[in-house]
């Protein structure tokens, strides 16, 4: 069963993923040969360990607050803020508070 969202419908992303106590929720919004968009909800203290990706990606914070490290340099992002994660540079995310984000990765 696909969890992709119906095309042509208005979406309010922050309300479309619930927090899970002690966990991470992810929902694929769109995926095709050009890239993908994924909605995430992280409980406080959860995160993604340091990794790299072969393509640039953009993280948009929809709710809450997260620390995002890019190349070892931390930044705190809050609701309404975004950052571009450069391809092949190590990055990690940590929920300093519960947070929701939209991750957009474009293959290039």
N, C-alpha and C. Protein backbone atom coordinates (compact mmCIF):
# COMPACT_ATOMS: atom_id res chain seq x y z
N UNK A 1 0.84 -1.18 0.00
CA UNK A 1 0.00 0.00 0.00
C UNK A 1 0.88 1.24 0.00
N UNK A 2 0.63 2.16 -0.86
CA UNK A 2 1.40 3.40 -0.96
C UNK A 2 0.89 4.42 0.05
N UNK A 3 1.82 5.17 0.62
CA UNK A 3 1.40 6.24 1.52
C UNK A 3 1.61 7.61 0.86
N UNK A 4 1.71 7.62 -0.47
CA UNK A 4 1.85 8.88 -1.18
C UNK A 4 0.52 9.62 -1.14
N UNK A 5 0.60 10.93 -1.21
CA UNK A 5 -0.57 11.78 -1.10
C UNK A 5 -1.23 11.98 -2.46
N UNK A 6 -2.52 12.19 -2.45
CA UNK A 6 -3.27 12.35 -3.68
C UNK A 6 -2.89 13.66 -4.38
N UNK A 7 -2.60 13.59 -5.64
CA UNK A 7 -2.25 14.77 -6.42
C UNK A 7 -3.49 15.63 -6.64
N UNK A 8 -3.30 16.94 -6.73
CA UNK A 8 -4.40 17.86 -6.99
C UNK A 8 -5.16 18.27 -5.74
N UNK A 9 -4.79 17.76 -4.58
CA UNK A 9 -5.44 18.10 -3.32
C UNK A 9 -4.58 19.10 -2.54
N UNK A 10 -5.24 20.02 -1.85
CA UNK A 10 -4.53 20.96 -0.99
C UNK A 10 -4.01 20.22 0.23
N UNK A 11 -2.74 20.45 0.57
CA UNK A 11 -2.11 19.76 1.70
C UNK A 11 -1.59 20.76 2.72
N UNK A 12 -1.83 20.48 3.99
CA UNK A 12 -1.25 21.26 5.09
C UNK A 12 -0.36 20.26 5.82
N UNK A 13 0.91 20.20 5.41
CA UNK A 13 1.81 19.12 5.82
C UNK A 13 1.96 18.95 7.32
N UNK A 14 2.03 20.03 8.07
CA UNK A 14 2.26 19.89 9.51
C UNK A 14 1.17 19.07 10.19
N UNK A 15 -0.02 19.04 9.62
CA UNK A 15 -1.12 18.28 10.24
C UNK A 15 -1.24 16.86 9.70
N UNK A 16 -0.39 16.48 8.76
CA UNK A 16 -0.55 15.19 8.08
C UNK A 16 0.36 14.09 8.61
N UNK A 17 1.14 14.37 9.63
CA UNK A 17 1.96 13.34 10.28
C UNK A 17 1.89 13.57 11.78
N UNK A 18 1.49 12.55 12.51
CA UNK A 18 1.40 12.64 13.96
C UNK A 18 2.73 12.24 14.58
N UNK A 19 3.01 12.81 15.75
CA UNK A 19 4.18 12.39 16.52
C UNK A 19 3.93 11.01 17.09
N UNK A 20 5.00 10.24 17.23
CA UNK A 20 4.96 8.93 17.86
C UNK A 20 5.92 8.96 19.04
N UNK A 21 5.42 8.67 20.23
CA UNK A 21 6.25 8.75 21.43
C UNK A 21 7.49 7.88 21.28
N UNK A 22 8.66 8.53 21.41
CA UNK A 22 9.93 7.83 21.31
C UNK A 22 10.30 7.39 19.90
N UNK A 23 9.64 7.94 18.91
CA UNK A 23 9.89 7.45 17.56
C UNK A 23 9.95 8.50 16.48
N UNK A 24 10.05 8.02 15.26
CA UNK A 24 10.10 8.85 14.06
C UNK A 24 9.03 8.32 13.10
N UNK A 25 8.23 9.22 12.57
CA UNK A 25 7.22 8.86 11.58
C UNK A 25 7.65 9.47 10.24
N UNK A 26 7.57 8.69 9.18
CA UNK A 26 7.86 9.24 7.85
C UNK A 26 6.75 8.83 6.89
N UNK A 27 6.41 9.76 6.00
CA UNK A 27 5.41 9.52 4.98
C UNK A 27 5.93 10.05 3.66
N UNK A 28 5.96 9.21 2.67
CA UNK A 28 6.43 9.63 1.36
C UNK A 28 5.32 10.44 0.68
N UNK A 29 5.66 11.66 0.30
CA UNK A 29 4.71 12.55 -0.34
C UNK A 29 4.72 12.34 -1.85
N UNK A 30 5.91 12.28 -2.41
CA UNK A 30 6.06 12.16 -3.85
C UNK A 30 7.40 11.51 -4.15
N UNK A 31 7.41 10.62 -5.13
CA UNK A 31 8.67 9.99 -5.54
C UNK A 31 8.59 9.71 -7.03
N UNK A 32 9.63 10.13 -7.74
CA UNK A 32 9.75 9.79 -9.16
C UNK A 32 11.22 9.86 -9.55
N UNK A 33 11.51 9.72 -10.83
CA UNK A 33 12.91 9.66 -11.27
C UNK A 33 13.69 10.95 -10.98
N UNK A 34 13.00 12.07 -10.78
CA UNK A 34 13.67 13.34 -10.50
C UNK A 34 14.06 13.49 -9.03
N UNK A 35 13.42 12.74 -8.13
CA UNK A 35 13.74 12.85 -6.71
C UNK A 35 12.55 12.45 -5.86
N UNK A 36 12.56 12.93 -4.61
CA UNK A 36 11.46 12.59 -3.72
C UNK A 36 11.24 13.67 -2.67
N UNK A 37 10.04 13.64 -2.09
CA UNK A 37 9.65 14.53 -1.01
C UNK A 37 9.09 13.64 0.09
N UNK A 38 9.61 13.81 1.32
CA UNK A 38 9.17 12.99 2.44
C UNK A 38 8.84 13.87 3.62
N UNK A 39 7.74 13.56 4.28
CA UNK A 39 7.30 14.25 5.49
C UNK A 39 7.74 13.42 6.69
N UNK A 40 8.36 14.08 7.68
CA UNK A 40 8.83 13.41 8.89
C UNK A 40 8.27 14.08 10.13
N UNK A 41 8.05 13.29 11.18
CA UNK A 41 7.73 13.79 12.52
C UNK A 41 8.65 13.07 13.50
N UNK A 42 9.45 13.84 14.25
CA UNK A 42 10.42 13.29 15.20
C UNK A 42 10.00 13.63 16.62
N UNK A 43 9.98 12.66 17.50
CA UNK A 43 9.77 12.95 18.92
C UNK A 43 11.05 13.56 19.47
N UNK A 44 10.92 14.31 20.56
CA UNK A 44 12.08 14.94 21.20
C UNK A 44 13.13 13.87 21.51
N UNK A 45 14.38 14.18 21.17
CA UNK A 45 15.49 13.26 21.42
C UNK A 45 15.79 12.31 20.28
N UNK A 46 14.90 12.21 19.32
CA UNK A 46 15.11 11.33 18.17
C UNK A 46 15.93 12.06 17.11
N UNK A 47 16.41 11.34 16.12
CA UNK A 47 17.18 11.99 15.06
C UNK A 47 17.64 11.01 14.01
N UNK A 48 18.46 11.53 13.13
CA UNK A 48 19.10 10.73 12.09
C UNK A 48 20.60 10.87 12.30
N UNK A 49 21.30 9.76 12.40
CA UNK A 49 22.74 9.80 12.61
C UNK A 49 23.44 10.36 11.38
N UNK A 50 24.70 10.73 11.57
CA UNK A 50 25.45 11.35 10.48
C UNK A 50 25.52 10.42 9.27
N UNK A 51 25.25 11.01 8.10
CA UNK A 51 25.28 10.27 6.84
C UNK A 51 25.50 11.28 5.71
N UNK A 52 25.68 10.76 4.51
CA UNK A 52 25.78 11.62 3.33
C UNK A 52 24.73 11.18 2.33
N UNK A 53 24.45 12.05 1.39
CA UNK A 53 23.54 11.74 0.29
C UNK A 53 24.20 12.19 -1.01
N UNK A 54 23.93 11.51 -2.10
CA UNK A 54 24.59 11.86 -3.35
C UNK A 54 24.00 13.08 -4.05
N UNK A 55 22.93 13.66 -3.48
CA UNK A 55 22.27 14.81 -4.09
C UNK A 55 21.99 15.86 -3.03
N UNK A 56 21.89 17.12 -3.47
CA UNK A 56 21.46 18.17 -2.55
C UNK A 56 20.06 17.85 -2.04
N UNK A 57 19.77 18.30 -0.83
CA UNK A 57 18.43 18.10 -0.26
C UNK A 57 18.07 19.35 0.53
N UNK A 58 16.78 19.64 0.62
CA UNK A 58 16.33 20.77 1.41
C UNK A 58 15.44 20.28 2.54
N UNK A 59 15.73 20.77 3.75
CA UNK A 59 14.93 20.47 4.93
C UNK A 59 14.16 21.73 5.28
N UNK A 60 12.82 21.60 5.38
CA UNK A 60 11.95 22.70 5.81
C UNK A 60 11.32 22.29 7.13
N UNK A 61 11.51 23.09 8.17
CA UNK A 61 10.92 22.79 9.47
C UNK A 61 9.48 23.30 9.48
N UNK A 62 8.54 22.38 9.74
CA UNK A 62 7.12 22.70 9.73
C UNK A 62 6.58 22.97 11.12
N UNK A 63 7.25 22.40 12.13
CA UNK A 63 6.81 22.53 13.51
C UNK A 63 7.98 22.18 14.41
N UNK A 64 8.10 22.86 15.55
CA UNK A 64 9.11 22.50 16.53
C UNK A 64 10.49 23.03 16.22
N UNK A 65 11.50 22.27 16.67
CA UNK A 65 12.89 22.74 16.61
C UNK A 65 13.83 21.55 16.48
N UNK A 66 14.88 21.72 15.67
CA UNK A 66 15.87 20.66 15.47
C UNK A 66 17.25 21.24 15.35
N UNK A 67 18.24 20.47 15.78
CA UNK A 67 19.63 20.81 15.52
C UNK A 67 20.04 20.00 14.30
N UNK A 68 20.57 20.71 13.31
CA UNK A 68 21.05 20.06 12.10
C UNK A 68 22.53 20.37 11.96
N UNK A 69 23.32 19.31 11.84
CA UNK A 69 24.78 19.47 11.66
C UNK A 69 25.11 19.19 10.20
N UNK A 70 25.84 20.12 9.62
CA UNK A 70 26.30 19.96 8.24
C UNK A 70 27.82 20.10 8.26
N UNK A 71 28.51 19.05 7.88
CA UNK A 71 29.97 19.09 7.91
C UNK A 71 30.50 19.37 9.31
N UNK A 72 29.78 18.91 10.33
CA UNK A 72 30.20 19.10 11.73
C UNK A 72 29.75 20.40 12.34
N UNK A 73 29.17 21.30 11.57
CA UNK A 73 28.75 22.60 12.08
C UNK A 73 27.26 22.58 12.43
N UNK A 74 26.92 22.80 13.73
CA UNK A 74 25.52 22.74 14.13
C UNK A 74 24.77 24.05 13.89
N UNK A 75 23.50 23.91 13.56
CA UNK A 75 22.58 25.04 13.46
C UNK A 75 21.25 24.59 14.05
N UNK A 76 20.58 25.48 14.76
CA UNK A 76 19.25 25.19 15.28
C UNK A 76 18.24 25.82 14.34
N UNK A 77 17.34 25.00 13.84
CA UNK A 77 16.29 25.48 12.95
C UNK A 77 14.95 25.34 13.64
N UNK A 78 14.08 26.33 13.39
CA UNK A 78 12.76 26.37 14.00
C UNK A 78 11.69 26.46 12.92
N UNK A 79 10.46 26.30 13.33
CA UNK A 79 9.31 26.36 12.43
C UNK A 79 9.45 27.52 11.45
N UNK A 80 9.26 27.24 10.17
CA UNK A 80 9.34 28.26 9.13
C UNK A 80 10.71 28.43 8.52
N UNK A 81 11.72 27.77 9.08
CA UNK A 81 13.07 27.90 8.55
C UNK A 81 13.43 26.67 7.71
N UNK A 82 14.43 26.85 6.85
CA UNK A 82 14.86 25.77 5.96
C UNK A 82 16.37 25.86 5.77
N UNK A 83 16.95 24.74 5.33
CA UNK A 83 18.38 24.70 5.02
C UNK A 83 18.58 23.71 3.88
N UNK A 84 19.57 24.00 3.05
CA UNK A 84 19.93 23.09 1.97
C UNK A 84 21.12 22.26 2.43
N UNK A 85 20.97 20.95 2.38
CA UNK A 85 22.05 20.03 2.73
C UNK A 85 22.83 19.72 1.46
N UNK A 86 24.10 20.11 1.39
CA UNK A 86 24.87 19.87 0.17
C UNK A 86 25.18 18.39 -0.05
N UNK A 87 25.18 17.98 -1.29
CA UNK A 87 25.51 16.61 -1.65
C UNK A 87 26.89 16.23 -1.13
N UNK A 88 27.01 14.99 -0.69
CA UNK A 88 28.28 14.38 -0.28
C UNK A 88 28.94 15.01 0.94
N UNK A 89 28.24 15.86 1.67
CA UNK A 89 28.75 16.44 2.91
C UNK A 89 28.00 15.76 4.07
N UNK A 90 28.73 15.23 5.07
CA UNK A 90 28.04 14.56 6.18
C UNK A 90 27.08 15.51 6.90
N UNK A 91 25.90 14.98 7.24
CA UNK A 91 24.92 15.77 7.98
C UNK A 91 24.16 14.85 8.93
N UNK A 92 23.59 15.45 9.98
CA UNK A 92 22.82 14.71 10.98
C UNK A 92 21.73 15.62 11.51
N UNK A 93 20.67 15.03 12.05
CA UNK A 93 19.57 15.79 12.62
C UNK A 93 19.27 15.26 14.02
N UNK A 94 18.93 16.18 14.93
CA UNK A 94 18.55 15.81 16.29
C UNK A 94 17.39 16.68 16.74
N UNK A 95 16.35 16.06 17.25
CA UNK A 95 15.17 16.78 17.72
C UNK A 95 15.42 17.35 19.12
N UNK A 96 15.74 18.65 19.18
CA UNK A 96 15.90 19.30 20.49
C UNK A 96 14.54 19.49 21.14
N UNK A 97 13.50 19.55 20.34
CA UNK A 97 12.09 19.50 20.72
C UNK A 97 11.41 18.63 19.67
N UNK A 98 10.18 18.23 19.90
CA UNK A 98 9.46 17.54 18.84
C UNK A 98 9.50 18.43 17.60
N UNK A 99 9.69 17.82 16.44
CA UNK A 99 9.65 18.63 15.23
C UNK A 99 9.17 17.82 14.04
N UNK A 100 8.63 18.56 13.07
CA UNK A 100 8.20 17.99 11.80
C UNK A 100 8.95 18.69 10.69
N UNK A 101 9.29 17.93 9.67
CA UNK A 101 10.03 18.52 8.55
C UNK A 101 9.57 17.90 7.25
N UNK A 102 9.79 18.66 6.20
CA UNK A 102 9.60 18.19 4.84
C UNK A 102 10.99 18.11 4.21
N UNK A 103 11.36 16.95 3.73
CA UNK A 103 12.66 16.72 3.09
C UNK A 103 12.44 16.59 1.59
N UNK A 104 13.09 17.47 0.83
CA UNK A 104 12.99 17.44 -0.62
C UNK A 104 14.36 17.13 -1.20
N UNK A 105 14.46 16.03 -1.94
CA UNK A 105 15.72 15.65 -2.58
C UNK A 105 15.51 15.62 -4.08
N UNK A 106 16.33 16.38 -4.79
CA UNK A 106 16.28 16.43 -6.25
C UNK A 106 17.54 15.77 -6.80
N UNK A 107 17.37 14.80 -7.63
CA UNK A 107 18.51 14.13 -8.25
C UNK A 107 19.05 15.02 -9.36
N UNK A 108 20.36 15.10 -9.42
CA UNK A 108 20.92 15.96 -10.44
C UNK A 108 22.23 15.48 -10.96
